[in-house]
C-alpha atoms as a PDB file:
ATOM      1  CA  MET A   1      14.425 -10.198   6.938  1.00  0.00           C
ATOM      2  CA  GLY A   2      12.279  -9.651   3.477  1.00  0.00           C
ATOM      3  CA  GLN A   3       9.477  -7.945   1.915  1.00  0.00           C
ATOM      4  CA  ALA A   4       6.564 -10.123   2.070  1.00  0.00           C
ATOM      5  CA  VAL A   5       3.694  -8.838   1.504  1.00  0.00           C
ATOM      6  CA  CYS A   6       0.387  -9.986   0.233  1.00  0.00           C
ATOM      7  CA  SER A   7      -2.715 -10.076  -1.343  1.00  0.00           C
ATOM      8  CA  ALA A   8      -5.729 -11.393   1.302  1.00  0.00           C
ATOM      9  CA  SER A   9      -9.929 -11.235   1.024  1.00  0.00           C
ATOM     10  CA  ARG A  10     -11.330  -8.864   4.742  1.00  0.00           C
ATOM     11  CA  ARG A  11     -13.035 -12.558   5.406  1.00  0.00           C
ATOM     12  CA  GLY A  12     -11.146 -14.843   7.699  1.00  0.00           C
ATOM     13  CA  TYR A  13      -8.473 -15.692  10.390  1.00  0.00           C
ATOM     14  CA  HIS A  14      -5.486 -13.378   7.626  1.00  0.00           C
ATOM     15  CA  LEU A  15      -7.186 -10.165   9.743  1.00  0.00           C
ATOM     16  CA  ASP A  16      -5.468 -10.418  12.918  1.00  0.00           C
ATOM     17  CA  THR A  17      -1.662 -10.466  10.557  1.00  0.00           C
ATOM     18  CA  VAL A  18      -2.505  -8.723   7.263  1.00  0.00           C
ATOM     19  CA  SER A  19      -2.256  -5.079   7.684  1.00  0.00           C
ATOM     20  CA  ASP A  20      -4.203  -3.228   4.568  1.00  0.00           C
ATOM     21  CA  GLY A  21      -2.207  -0.613   3.048  1.00  0.00           C
ATOM     22  CA  LEU A  22       1.197  -2.195   5.684  1.00  0.00           C
ATOM     23  CA  ASN A  23       2.305  -5.578   4.530  1.00  0.00           C
ATOM     24  CA  GLY A  24      -0.795  -6.441   2.129  1.00  0.00           C
ATOM     25  CA  ARG A  25      -4.159  -5.240   0.554  1.00  0.00           C
ATOM     26  CA  PHE A  26      -7.048  -7.134   1.325  1.00  0.00           C
ATOM     27  CA  PHE A  27     -10.356  -7.363  -1.364  1.00  0.00           C
ATOM     28  CA  ASP A  28     -13.603  -7.457  -0.607  1.00  0.00           C
ATOM     29  CA  ASN A  29     -15.165  -9.995  -3.112  1.00  0.00           C
ATOM     30  CA  LEU A  30     -14.142 -13.413  -4.248  1.00  0.00           C
ATOM     31  CA  ASP A  31     -14.579 -12.732  -7.912  1.00  0.00           C
ATOM     32  CA  PRO A  32     -11.330 -12.803 -10.150  1.00  0.00           C
ATOM     33  CA  ASP A  33     -11.807  -8.412 -11.133  1.00  0.00           C
ATOM     34  CA  SER A  34     -11.203  -7.373  -6.880  1.00  0.00           C
ATOM     35  CA  ILE A  35      -7.971 -10.213  -6.378  1.00  0.00           C
ATOM     36  CA  ALA A  36      -6.754  -9.057 -10.005  1.00  0.00           C
ATOM     37  CA  ASP A  37      -6.913  -5.763  -8.403  1.00  0.00           C
ATOM     38  CA  ALA A  38      -5.242  -5.866  -4.599  1.00  0.00           C
ATOM     39  CA  MET A  39      -2.971  -8.067  -6.348  1.00  0.00           C
ATOM     40  CA  SER A  40      -2.027  -5.069  -8.881  1.00  0.00           C
ATOM     41  CA  GLY A  41      -2.186  -2.980  -6.222  1.00  0.00           C
ATOM     42  CA  LEU A  42       1.025  -4.748  -4.069  1.00  0.00           C
ATOM     43  CA  LEU A  43       3.086  -5.528  -7.396  1.00  0.00           C
ATOM     44  CA  GLY A  44       2.711  -0.984  -8.027  1.00  0.00           C
ATOM     45  CA  ASP A  45       3.056   0.381  -4.511  1.00  0.00           C
ATOM     46  CA  ALA A  46       7.004   0.106  -2.738  1.00  0.00           C
ATOM     47  CA  LEU A  47       5.620  -0.563   1.458  1.00  0.00           C
ATOM     48  CA  PRO A  48       8.085   0.023   3.638  1.00  0.00           C
ATOM     49  CA  PRO A  49       9.990  -3.512   4.594  1.00  0.00           C
ATOM     50  CA  GLU A  50      11.004  -1.791   8.906  1.00  0.00           C
ATOM     51  CA  PRO A  51       7.196  -1.038   9.072  1.00  0.00           C
ATOM     52  CA  ILE A  52       6.468  -4.808   7.658  1.00  0.00           C
ATOM     53  CA  ARG A  53       9.459  -6.009   9.480  1.00  0.00           C
ATOM     54  CA  VAL A  54       8.337  -4.347  13.204  1.00  0.00           C
ATOM     55  CA  TYR A  55       4.735  -5.335  12.772  1.00  0.00           C
ATOM     56  CA  SER A  56       5.756  -9.325  12.048  1.00  0.00           C
ATOM     57  CA  GLU A  57       7.615  -9.517  14.990  1.00  0.00           C
ATOM     58  CA  ASN A  58       4.037  -9.857  16.928  1.00  0.00           C
ATOM     59  CA  TYR A  59       3.903 -13.270  15.385  1.00  0.00           C
ATOM     60  CA  THR A  60       6.920 -15.088  15.819  1.00  0.00           C
ATOM     61  CA  GLU A  61       7.081 -17.679  17.666  1.00  0.00           C
ATOM     62  CA  GLN A  62       8.157 -16.302  21.286  1.00  0.00           C
ATOM     63  CA  ALA A  63       5.548 -13.694  20.348  1.00  0.00           C
ATOM     64  CA  PHE A  64       3.331 -16.579  20.571  1.00  0.00           C
ATOM     65  CA  ILE A  65       4.311 -18.031  23.924  1.00  0.00           C
ATOM     66  CA  ASP A  66       4.663 -15.000  25.957  1.00  0.00           C
ATOM     67  CA  ARG A  67       1.524 -14.303  24.868  1.00  0.00           C
ATOM     68  CA  PHE A  68       0.065 -17.725  25.328  1.00  0.00           C
ATOM     69  CA  ARG A  69       1.430 -17.711  28.737  1.00  0.00           C
ATOM     70  CA  THR A  70      -0.166 -14.462  30.154  1.00  0.00           C
ATOM     71  CA  ALA A  71      -3.088 -15.808  28.909  1.00  0.00           C
ATOM     72  CA  VAL A  72      -2.665 -19.234  31.028  1.00  0.00           C
ATOM     73  CA  ASP A  73      -1.213 -16.969  34.362  1.00  0.00           C
ATOM     74  CA  ASP A  74      -3.536 -14.990  34.079  1.00  0.00           C
ATOM     75  CA  CYS A  75      -6.605 -17.814  34.313  1.00  0.00           C
ATOM     76  CA  LEU A  76      -4.359 -19.914  37.089  1.00  0.00           C
ATOM     77  CA  SER A  77      -3.958 -16.749  38.540  1.00  0.00           C
END
């Protein structure tokens, strides 16, 4: 599995999937300089692949199915 990293705003849905310093970098402002700084930080960082792999296992199809089934079971019990 390859190393997937990204820069993301601290606002929005990706707060659940991006962990600052683990698999990406956040930026606070939506201006080009802030985004460029975050991207430059990614290029300069050597984020270790193993923690990224472990973290990403929370977002597999099977993990989603398991959480969904648990939520449905909780509602029905």
